[in-house]
PDB file of all heavy atoms in Angstrom:
ATOM      1  N   VAL A   1       0.856  -1.183   0.000  1.00  0.00           N
ATOM      2  CA  VAL A   1       0.000   0.000   0.000  1.00  0.00           C
ATOM      3  C   VAL A   1       0.894   1.236   0.000  1.00  0.00           C
ATOM      4  O   VAL A   1       1.799   1.352   0.830  1.00  0.00           O
ATOM      5  CB  VAL A   1      -0.945   0.001   1.223  1.00  0.00           C
ATOM      6  CG1 VAL A   1      -1.788   1.264   1.250  1.00  0.00           C
ATOM      7  CG2 VAL A   1      -1.838  -1.246   1.201  1.00  0.00           C
ATOM      8  N   PHE A   2       0.627   2.140  -0.933  1.00  0.00           N
ATOM      9  CA  PHE A   2       1.426   3.350  -1.074  1.00  0.00           C
ATOM     10  C   PHE A   2       0.561   4.587  -0.923  1.00  0.00           C
ATOM     11  O   PHE A   2      -0.584   4.621  -1.384  1.00  0.00           O
ATOM     12  CB  PHE A   2       2.094   3.404  -2.455  1.00  0.00           C
ATOM     13  CG  PHE A   2       3.135   2.355  -2.675  1.00  0.00           C
ATOM     14  CD1 PHE A   2       2.799   1.133  -3.229  1.00  0.00           C
ATOM     15  CD2 PHE A   2       4.458   2.590  -2.337  1.00  0.00           C
ATOM     16  CE1 PHE A   2       3.755   0.170  -3.448  1.00  0.00           C
ATOM     17  CE2 PHE A   2       5.423   1.634  -2.550  1.00  0.00           C
ATOM     18  CZ  PHE A   2       5.067   0.408  -3.107  1.00  0.00           C
ATOM     19  N   MET A   3       1.132   5.622  -0.302  1.00  0.00           N
ATOM     20  CA  MET A   3       0.529   6.949  -0.268  1.00  0.00           C
ATOM     21  C   MET A   3       1.106   7.712  -1.456  1.00  0.00           C
ATOM     22  O   MET A   3       2.322   7.745  -1.631  1.00  0.00           O
ATOM     23  CB  MET A   3       0.920   7.683   1.009  1.00  0.00           C
ATOM     24  CG  MET A   3       0.468   7.014   2.272  1.00  0.00           C
ATOM     25  SD  MET A   3       0.966   7.928   3.757  1.00  0.00           S
ATOM     26  CE  MET A   3       2.722   7.587   3.797  1.00  0.00           C
ATOM     27  N   ALA A   4       0.247   8.297  -2.269  1.00  0.00           N
ATOM     28  CA  ALA A   4       0.711   9.054  -3.425  1.00  0.00           C
ATOM     29  C   ALA A   4       0.412  10.527  -3.221  1.00  0.00           C
ATOM     30  O   ALA A   4      -0.680  10.895  -2.809  1.00  0.00           O
ATOM     31  CB  ALA A   4       0.025   8.554  -4.691  1.00  0.00           C
ATOM     32  N   ASP A   5       1.385  11.342  -3.504  1.00  0.00           N
ATOM     33  CA  ASP A   5       1.215  12.784  -3.420  1.00  0.00           C
ATOM     34  C   ASP A   5       1.490  13.347  -4.811  1.00  0.00           C
ATOM     35  O   ASP A   5       2.591  13.773  -5.120  1.00  0.00           O
ATOM     36  CB  ASP A   5       2.180  13.377  -2.392  1.00  0.00           C
ATOM     37  CG  ASP A   5       1.981  14.864  -2.207  1.00  0.00           C
ATOM     38  OD1 ASP A   5       0.893  15.361  -2.556  1.00  0.00           O
ATOM     39  OD2 ASP A   5       2.912  15.523  -1.721  1.00  0.00           O
ATOM     40  N   THR A   6       0.472  13.280  -5.662  1.00  0.00           N
ATOM     41  CA  THR A   6       0.622  13.667  -7.055  1.00  0.00           C
ATOM     42  C   THR A   6      -0.600  14.451  -7.502  1.00  0.00           C
ATOM     43  O   THR A   6      -1.726  14.016  -7.285  1.00  0.00           O
ATOM     44  CB  THR A   6       0.762  12.402  -7.945  1.00  0.00           C
ATOM     45  OG1 THR A   6       1.861  11.636  -7.481  1.00  0.00           O
ATOM     46  CG2 THR A   6       0.964  12.760  -9.383  1.00  0.00           C
ATOM     47  N   SER A   7      -0.373  15.578  -8.126  1.00  0.00           N
ATOM     48  CA  SER A   7      -1.488  16.353  -8.667  1.00  0.00           C
ATOM     49  C   SER A   7      -2.101  15.619  -9.846  1.00  0.00           C
ATOM     50  O   SER A   7      -1.397  14.980 -10.631  1.00  0.00           O
ATOM     51  CB  SER A   7      -0.994  17.725  -9.138  1.00  0.00           C
ATOM     52  OG  SER A   7      -0.504  18.458  -8.045  1.00  0.00           O
ATOM     53  N   GLN A   8      -3.404  15.685  -9.949  1.00  0.00           N
ATOM     54  CA  GLN A   8      -4.129  15.082 -11.065  1.00  0.00           C
ATOM     55  C   GLN A   8      -3.819  13.589 -11.218  1.00  0.00           C
ATOM     56  O   GLN A   8      -3.640  13.069 -12.321  1.00  0.00           O
ATOM     57  CB  GLN A   8      -3.811  15.826 -12.371  1.00  0.00           C
ATOM     58  CG  GLN A   8      -4.093  17.304 -12.329  1.00  0.00           C
ATOM     59  CD  GLN A   8      -5.570  17.598 -12.126  1.00  0.00           C
ATOM     60  OE1 GLN A   8      -6.423  16.907 -12.653  1.00  0.00           O
ATOM     61  NE2 GLN A   8      -5.872  18.619 -11.352  1.00  0.00           N
ATOM     62  N   ALA A   9      -3.766  12.870 -10.092  1.00  0.00           N
ATOM     63  CA  ALA A   9      -3.375  11.461 -10.102  1.00  0.00           C
ATOM     64  C   ALA A   9      -4.334  10.596 -10.915  1.00  0.00           C
ATOM     65  O   ALA A   9      -3.900   9.658 -11.594  1.00  0.00           O
ATOM     66  CB  ALA A   9      -3.260  10.938  -8.680  1.00  0.00           C
ATOM     67  N   SER A  10      -5.620  10.877 -10.871  1.00  0.00           N
ATOM     68  CA  SER A  10      -6.581  10.072 -11.648  1.00  0.00           C
ATOM     69  C   SER A  10      -6.326  10.222 -13.143  1.00  0.00           C
ATOM     70  O   SER A  10      -6.329   9.236 -13.882  1.00  0.00           O
ATOM     71  CB  SER A  10      -8.017  10.485 -11.322  1.00  0.00           C
ATOM     72  OG  SER A  10      -8.299  10.207  -9.984  1.00  0.00           O
ATOM     73  N   ALA A  11      -6.111  11.440 -13.585  1.00  0.00           N
ATOM     74  CA  ALA A  11      -5.827  11.678 -15.005  1.00  0.00           C
ATOM     75  C   ALA A  11      -4.500  11.036 -15.393  1.00  0.00           C
ATOM     76  O   ALA A  11      -4.375  10.433 -16.468  1.00  0.00           O
ATOM     77  CB  ALA A  11      -5.792  13.177 -15.294  1.00  0.00           C
ATOM     78  N   LEU A  12      -3.516  11.129 -14.518  1.00  0.00           N
ATOM     79  CA  LEU A  12      -2.214  10.524 -14.790  1.00  0.00           C
ATOM     80  C   LEU A  12      -2.345   9.005 -14.892  1.00  0.00           C
ATOM     81  O   LEU A  12      -1.787   8.380 -15.802  1.00  0.00           O
ATOM     82  CB  LEU A  12      -1.217  10.894 -13.685  1.00  0.00           C
ATOM     83  CG  LEU A  12       0.172  10.293 -13.799  1.00  0.00           C
ATOM     84  CD1 LEU A  12       0.844  10.691 -15.106  1.00  0.00           C
ATOM     85  CD2 LEU A  12       1.011  10.728 -12.610  1.00  0.00           C
ATOM     86  N   GLY A  13      -3.090   8.388 -13.984  1.00  0.00           N
ATOM     87  CA  GLY A  13      -3.301   6.946 -14.028  1.00  0.00           C
ATOM     88  C   GLY A  13      -3.994   6.511 -15.300  1.00  0.00           C
ATOM     89  O   GLY A  13      -3.629   5.497 -15.912  1.00  0.00           O
ATOM     90  N   SER A  14      -4.975   7.274 -15.732  1.00  0.00           N
ATOM     91  CA  SER A  14      -5.675   6.960 -16.977  1.00  0.00           C
ATOM     92  C   SER A  14      -4.721   7.032 -18.169  1.00  0.00           C
ATOM     93  O   SER A  14      -4.721   6.147 -19.024  1.00  0.00           O
ATOM     94  CB  SER A  14      -6.837   7.933 -17.202  1.00  0.00           C
ATOM     95  OG  SER A  14      -7.796   7.788 -16.195  1.00  0.00           O
ATOM     96  N   ALA A  15      -3.927   8.075 -18.216  1.00  0.00           N
ATOM     97  CA  ALA A  15      -2.969   8.225 -19.313  1.00  0.00           C
ATOM     98  C   ALA A  15      -1.933   7.100 -19.302  1.00  0.00           C
ATOM     99  O   ALA A  15      -1.572   6.567 -20.355  1.00  0.00           O
ATOM    100  CB  ALA A  15      -2.275   9.585 -19.222  1.00  0.00           C
ATOM    101  N   MET A  16      -1.481   6.707 -18.108  1.00  0.00           N
ATOM    102  CA  MET A  16      -0.491   5.632 -18.017  1.00  0.00           C
ATOM    103  C   MET A  16      -1.073   4.291 -18.458  1.00  0.00           C
ATOM    104  O   MET A  16      -0.365   3.473 -19.060  1.00  0.00           O
ATOM    105  CB  MET A  16       0.054   5.530 -16.592  1.00  0.00           C
ATOM    106  CG  MET A  16       0.962   6.690 -16.221  1.00  0.00           C
ATOM    107  SD  MET A  16       1.494   6.642 -14.498  1.00  0.00           S
ATOM    108  CE  MET A  16       2.515   5.179 -14.490  1.00  0.00           C
ATOM    109  N   SER A  17      -2.355   4.067 -18.179  1.00  0.00           N
ATOM    110  CA  SER A  17      -2.963   2.779 -18.527  1.00  0.00           C
ATOM    111  C   SER A  17      -3.087   2.589 -20.041  1.00  0.00           C
ATOM    112  O   SER A  17      -3.132   1.461 -20.518  1.00  0.00           O
ATOM    113  CB  SER A  17      -4.318   2.619 -17.854  1.00  0.00           C
ATOM    114  OG  SER A  17      -5.256   3.502 -18.413  1.00  0.00           O
ATOM    115  N   ILE A  18      -3.134   3.677 -20.806  1.00  0.00           N
ATOM    116  CA  ILE A  18      -3.212   3.561 -22.263  1.00  0.00           C
ATOM    117  C   ILE A  18      -1.949   4.082 -22.951  1.00  0.00           C
ATOM    118  O   ILE A  18      -1.925   4.249 -24.166  1.00  0.00           O
ATOM    119  CB  ILE A  18      -4.460   4.291 -22.803  1.00  0.00           C
ATOM    120  CG1 ILE A  18      -4.408   5.794 -22.500  1.00  0.00           C
ATOM    121  CG2 ILE A  18      -5.727   3.666 -22.263  1.00  0.00           C
ATOM    122  CD1 ILE A  18      -5.441   6.613 -23.239  1.00  0.00           C
ATOM    123  N   HIS A  19      -0.915   4.305 -22.182  1.00  0.00           N
ATOM    124  CA  HIS A  19       0.322   4.907 -22.696  1.00  0.00           C
ATOM    125  C   HIS A  19       0.842   4.236 -23.958  1.00  0.00           C
ATOM    126  O   HIS A  19       1.174   4.900 -24.933  1.00  0.00           O
ATOM    127  CB  HIS A  19       1.398   4.892 -21.605  1.00  0.00           C
ATOM    128  CG  HIS A  19       2.681   5.510 -22.034  1.00  0.00           C
ATOM    129  ND1 HIS A  19       3.693   4.773 -22.594  1.00  0.00           N
ATOM    130  CD2 HIS A  19       3.112   6.786 -22.016  1.00  0.00           C
ATOM    131  CE1 HIS A  19       4.706   5.571 -22.890  1.00  0.00           C
ATOM    132  NE2 HIS A  19       4.370   6.795 -22.542  1.00  0.00           N
ATOM    133  N   GLU A  20       0.913   2.928 -23.955  1.00  0.00           N
ATOM    134  CA  GLU A  20       1.496   2.213 -25.098  1.00  0.00           C
ATOM    135  C   GLU A  20       0.700   2.395 -26.386  1.00  0.00           C
ATOM    136  O   GLU A  20       1.212   2.160 -27.468  1.00  0.00           O
ATOM    137  CB  GLU A  20       1.624   0.732 -24.782  1.00  0.00           C
ATOM    138  CG  GLU A  20       0.293   0.029 -24.603  1.00  0.00           C
ATOM    139  CD  GLU A  20       0.439  -1.393 -24.120  1.00  0.00           C
ATOM    140  OE1 GLU A  20       1.175  -1.629 -23.150  1.00  0.00           O
ATOM    141  OE2 GLU A  20      -0.206  -2.265 -24.721  1.00  0.00           O
ATOM    142  N   HIS A  21      -0.532   2.859 -26.284  1.00  0.00           N
ATOM    143  CA  HIS A  21      -1.381   3.035 -27.455  1.00  0.00           C
ATOM    144  C   HIS A  21      -1.304   4.430 -28.059  1.00  0.00           C
ATOM    145  O   HIS A  21      -1.808   4.649 -29.165  1.00  0.00           O
ATOM    146  CB  HIS A  21      -2.842   2.714 -27.101  1.00  0.00           C
ATOM    147  CG  HIS A  21      -3.020   1.327 -26.586  1.00  0.00           C
ATOM    148  ND1 HIS A  21      -2.929   0.220 -27.391  1.00  0.00           N
ATOM    149  CD2 HIS A  21      -3.234   0.863 -25.329  1.00  0.00           C
ATOM    150  CE1 HIS A  21      -3.110  -0.871 -26.661  1.00  0.00           C
ATOM    151  NE2 HIS A  21      -3.296  -0.504 -25.410  1.00  0.00           N
ATOM    152  N   TRP A  22      -0.694   5.371 -27.349  1.00  0.00           N
ATOM    153  CA  TRP A  22      -0.644   6.731 -27.882  1.00  0.00           C
ATOM    154  C   TRP A  22       0.740   7.367 -27.840  1.00  0.00           C
ATOM    155  O   TRP A  22       0.949   8.428 -28.401  1.00  0.00           O
ATOM    156  CB  TRP A  22      -1.638   7.642 -27.165  1.00  0.00           C
ATOM    157  CG  TRP A  22      -1.333   7.888 -25.711  1.00  0.00           C
ATOM    158  CD1 TRP A  22      -1.714   7.129 -24.661  1.00  0.00           C
ATOM    159  CD2 TRP A  22      -0.568   8.958 -25.153  1.00  0.00           C
ATOM    160  NE1 TRP A  22      -1.238   7.642 -23.483  1.00  0.00           N
ATOM    161  CE2 TRP A  22      -0.527   8.773 -23.755  1.00  0.00           C
ATOM    162  CE3 TRP A  22       0.097  10.062 -25.694  1.00  0.00           C
ATOM    163  CZ2 TRP A  22       0.151   9.628 -22.897  1.00  0.00           C
ATOM    164  CZ3 TRP A  22       0.770  10.922 -24.840  1.00  0.00           C
ATOM    165  CH2 TRP A  22       0.782  10.705 -23.461  1.00  0.00           C
ATOM    166  N   ASN A  23       1.702   6.708 -27.193  1.00  0.00           N
ATOM    167  CA  ASN A  23       3.016   7.320 -27.042  1.00  0.00           C
ATOM    168  C   ASN A  23       4.085   6.248 -27.175  1.00  0.00           C
ATOM    169  O   ASN A  23       4.059   5.254 -26.465  1.00  0.00           O
ATOM    170  CB  ASN A  23       3.106   7.992 -25.673  1.00  0.00           C
ATOM    171  CG  ASN A  23       4.310   8.878 -25.528  1.00  0.00           C
ATOM    172  OD1 ASN A  23       5.362   8.620 -26.108  1.00  0.00           O
ATOM    173  ND2 ASN A  23       4.176   9.923 -24.741  1.00  0.00           N
ATOM    174  N   MET A  24       5.015   6.443 -28.066  1.00  0.00           N
ATOM    175  CA  MET A  24       6.065   5.447 -28.297  1.00  0.00           C
ATOM    176  C   MET A  24       7.241   5.597 -27.333  1.00  0.00           C
ATOM    177  O   MET A  24       8.109   4.742 -27.261  1.00  0.00           O
ATOM    178  CB  MET A  24       6.571   5.544 -29.748  1.00  0.00           C
ATOM    179  CG  MET A  24       5.457   5.380 -30.786  1.00  0.00           C
ATOM    180  SD  MET A  24       4.324   4.004 -30.452  1.00  0.00           S
ATOM    181  CE  MET A  24       5.289   2.654 -31.055  1.00  0.00           C
ATOM    182  N   ASN A  25       7.288   6.684 -26.559  1.00  0.00           N
ATOM    183  CA  ASN A  25       8.362   6.900 -25.597  1.00  0.00           C
ATOM    184  C   ASN A  25       8.101   6.108 -24.324  1.00  0.00           C
ATOM    185  O   ASN A  25       6.967   5.741 -24.006  1.00  0.00           O
ATOM    186  CB  ASN A  25       8.477   8.386 -25.242  1.00  0.00           C
ATOM    187  CG  ASN A  25       8.827   9.230 -26.445  1.00  0.00           C
ATOM    188  OD1 ASN A  25       9.661   8.848 -27.253  1.00  0.00           O
ATOM    189  ND2 ASN A  25       8.170  10.360 -26.585  1.00  0.00           N
ATOM    190  N   ASP A  26       9.161   5.850 -23.543  1.00  0.00           N
ATOM    191  CA  ASP A  26       9.005   5.201 -22.247  1.00  0.00           C
ATOM    192  C   ASP A  26       8.284   6.142 -21.285  1.00  0.00           C
ATOM    193  O   ASP A  26       8.375   7.365 -21.407  1.00  0.00           O
ATOM    194  CB  ASP A  26      10.372   4.849 -21.654  1.00  0.00           C
ATOM    195  CG  ASP A  26      11.072   3.741 -22.427  1.00  0.00           C
ATOM    196  OD1 ASP A  26      10.380   2.940 -23.091  1.00  0.00           O
ATOM    197  OD2 ASP A  26      12.308   3.666 -22.362  1.00  0.00           O
ATOM    198  N   VAL A  27       7.603   5.557 -20.311  1.00  0.00           N
ATOM    199  CA  VAL A  27       6.952   6.352 -19.279  1.00  0.00           C
ATOM    200  C   VAL A  27       8.044   6.943 -18.392  1.00  0.00           C
ATOM    201  O   VAL A  27       8.925   6.211 -17.926  1.00  0.00           O
ATOM    202  CB  VAL A  27       6.001   5.486 -18.426  1.00  0.00           C
ATOM    203  CG1 VAL A  27       5.419   6.290 -17.280  1.00  0.00           C
ATOM    204  CG2 VAL A  27       4.893   4.902 -19.281  1.00  0.00           C
ATOM    205  N   PRO A  28       8.047   8.247 -18.163  1.00  0.00           N
ATOM    206  CA  PRO A  28       9.055   8.838 -17.271  1.00  0.00           C
ATOM    207  C   PRO A  28       8.997   8.204 -15.880  1.00  0.00           C
ATOM    208  O   PRO A  28       7.921   7.897 -15.366  1.00  0.00           O
ATOM    209  CB  PRO A  28       8.654  10.316 -17.211  1.00  0.00           C
ATOM    210  CG  PRO A  28       7.850  10.544 -18.439  1.00  0.00           C
ATOM    211  CD  PRO A  28       7.146   9.249 -18.717  1.00  0.00           C
ATOM    212  N   THR A  29      10.142   8.005 -15.273  1.00  0.00           N
ATOM    213  CA  THR A  29      10.197   7.302 -13.985  1.00  0.00           C
ATOM    214  C   THR A  29       9.814   8.169 -12.793  1.00  0.00           C
ATOM    215  O   THR A  29       9.455   7.643 -11.759  1.00  0.00           O
ATOM    216  CB  THR A  29      11.600   6.723 -13.752  1.00  0.00           C
ATOM    217  OG1 THR A  29      12.554   7.786 -13.833  1.00  0.00           O
ATOM    218  CG2 THR A  29      11.928   5.656 -14.773  1.00  0.00           C
ATOM    219  N   LEU A  30       9.861   9.471 -12.909  1.00  0.00           N
ATOM    220  CA  LEU A  30       9.597  10.342 -11.761  1.00  0.00           C
ATOM    221  C   LEU A  30       8.237  11.030 -11.833  1.00  0.00           C
ATOM    222  O   LEU A  30       8.105  12.186 -11.473  1.00  0.00           O
ATOM    223  CB  LEU A  30      10.715  11.378 -11.626  1.00  0.00           C
ATOM    224  CG  LEU A  30      12.109  10.806 -11.367  1.00  0.00           C
ATOM    225  CD1 LEU A  30      13.144  11.915 -11.359  1.00  0.00           C
ATOM    226  CD2 LEU A  30      12.139  10.050 -10.054  1.00  0.00           C
ATOM    227  N   LEU A  31       7.223  10.310 -12.256  1.00  0.00           N
ATOM    228  CA  LEU A  31       5.890  10.904 -12.341  1.00  0.00           C
ATOM    229  C   LEU A  31       5.172  10.943 -11.001  1.00  0.00           C
ATOM    230  O   LEU A  31       4.362  11.817 -10.753  1.00  0.00           O
ATOM    231  CB  LEU A  31       5.025  10.115 -13.325  1.00  0.00           C
ATOM    232  CG  LEU A  31       5.342  10.290 -14.792  1.00  0.00           C
ATOM    233  CD1 LEU A  31       4.461   9.374 -15.633  1.00  0.00           C
ATOM    234  CD2 LEU A  31       5.148  11.728 -15.214  1.00  0.00           C
ATOM    235  N   LEU A  32       5.456   9.985 -10.140  1.00  0.00           N
ATOM    236  CA  LEU A  32       4.746   9.868  -8.871  1.00  0.00           C
ATOM    237  C   LEU A  32       5.684  10.064  -7.696  1.00  0.00           C
ATOM    238  O   LEU A  32       6.811   9.590  -7.696  1.00  0.00           O
ATOM    239  CB  LEU A  32       4.108   8.483  -8.738  1.00  0.00           C
ATOM    240  CG  LEU A  32       3.036   8.103  -9.737  1.00  0.00           C
ATOM    241  CD1 LEU A  32       2.634   6.656  -9.529  1.00  0.00           C
ATOM    242  CD2 LEU A  32       1.836   9.002  -9.586  1.00  0.00           C
ATOM    243  N   ASN A  33       5.178  10.734  -6.688  1.00  0.00           N
ATOM    244  CA  ASN A  33       5.874  10.839  -5.416  1.00  0.00           C
ATOM    245  C   ASN A  33       5.109   9.939  -4.454  1.00  0.00           C
ATOM    246  O   ASN A  33       4.000  10.269  -4.046  1.00  0.00           O
ATOM    247  CB  ASN A  33       5.874  12.292  -4.934  1.00  0.00           C
ATOM    248  CG  ASN A  33       6.601  12.452  -3.618  1.00  0.00           C
ATOM    249  OD1 ASN A  33       7.411  11.602  -3.244  1.00  0.00           O
ATOM    250  ND2 ASN A  33       6.316  13.520  -2.906  1.00  0.00           N
ATOM    251  N   VAL A  34       5.673   8.769  -4.144  1.00  0.00           N
ATOM    252  CA  VAL A  34       4.956   7.786  -3.322  1.00  0.00           C
ATOM    253  C   VAL A  34       5.797   7.359  -2.136  1.00  0.00           C
ATOM    254  O   VAL A  34       7.018   7.439  -2.152  1.00  0.00           O
ATOM    255  CB  VAL A  34       4.551   6.538  -4.141  1.00  0.00           C
ATOM    256  CG1 VAL A  34       3.590   6.895  -5.249  1.00  0.00           C
ATOM    257  CG2 VAL A  34       5.756   5.823  -4.693  1.00  0.00           C
ATOM    258  N   LYS A  35       5.095   6.879  -1.107  1.00  0.00           N
ATOM    259  CA  LYS A  35       5.742   6.355   0.093  1.00  0.00           C
ATOM    260  C   LYS A  35       4.968   5.123   0.532  1.00  0.00           C
ATOM    261  O   LYS A  35       3.740   5.182   0.679  1.00  0.00           O
ATOM    262  CB  LYS A  35       5.744   7.404   1.196  1.00  0.00           C
ATOM    263  CG  LYS A  35       6.403   6.939   2.476  1.00  0.00           C
ATOM    264  CD  LYS A  35       6.362   8.028   3.523  1.00  0.00           C
ATOM    265  CE  LYS A  35       6.981   7.530   4.811  1.00  0.00           C
ATOM    266  NZ  LYS A  35       6.865   8.511   5.883  1.00  0.00           N
TER     267      LYS A  35
END
């Protein structure tokens, strides 16, 4: 279980779930601040 401190986390999660279908680049590693 992680605590996430990220603005617009729902939108970010949605974009990440379909990332491979719209973006050929790797997902940046520092998108989330989690503990």
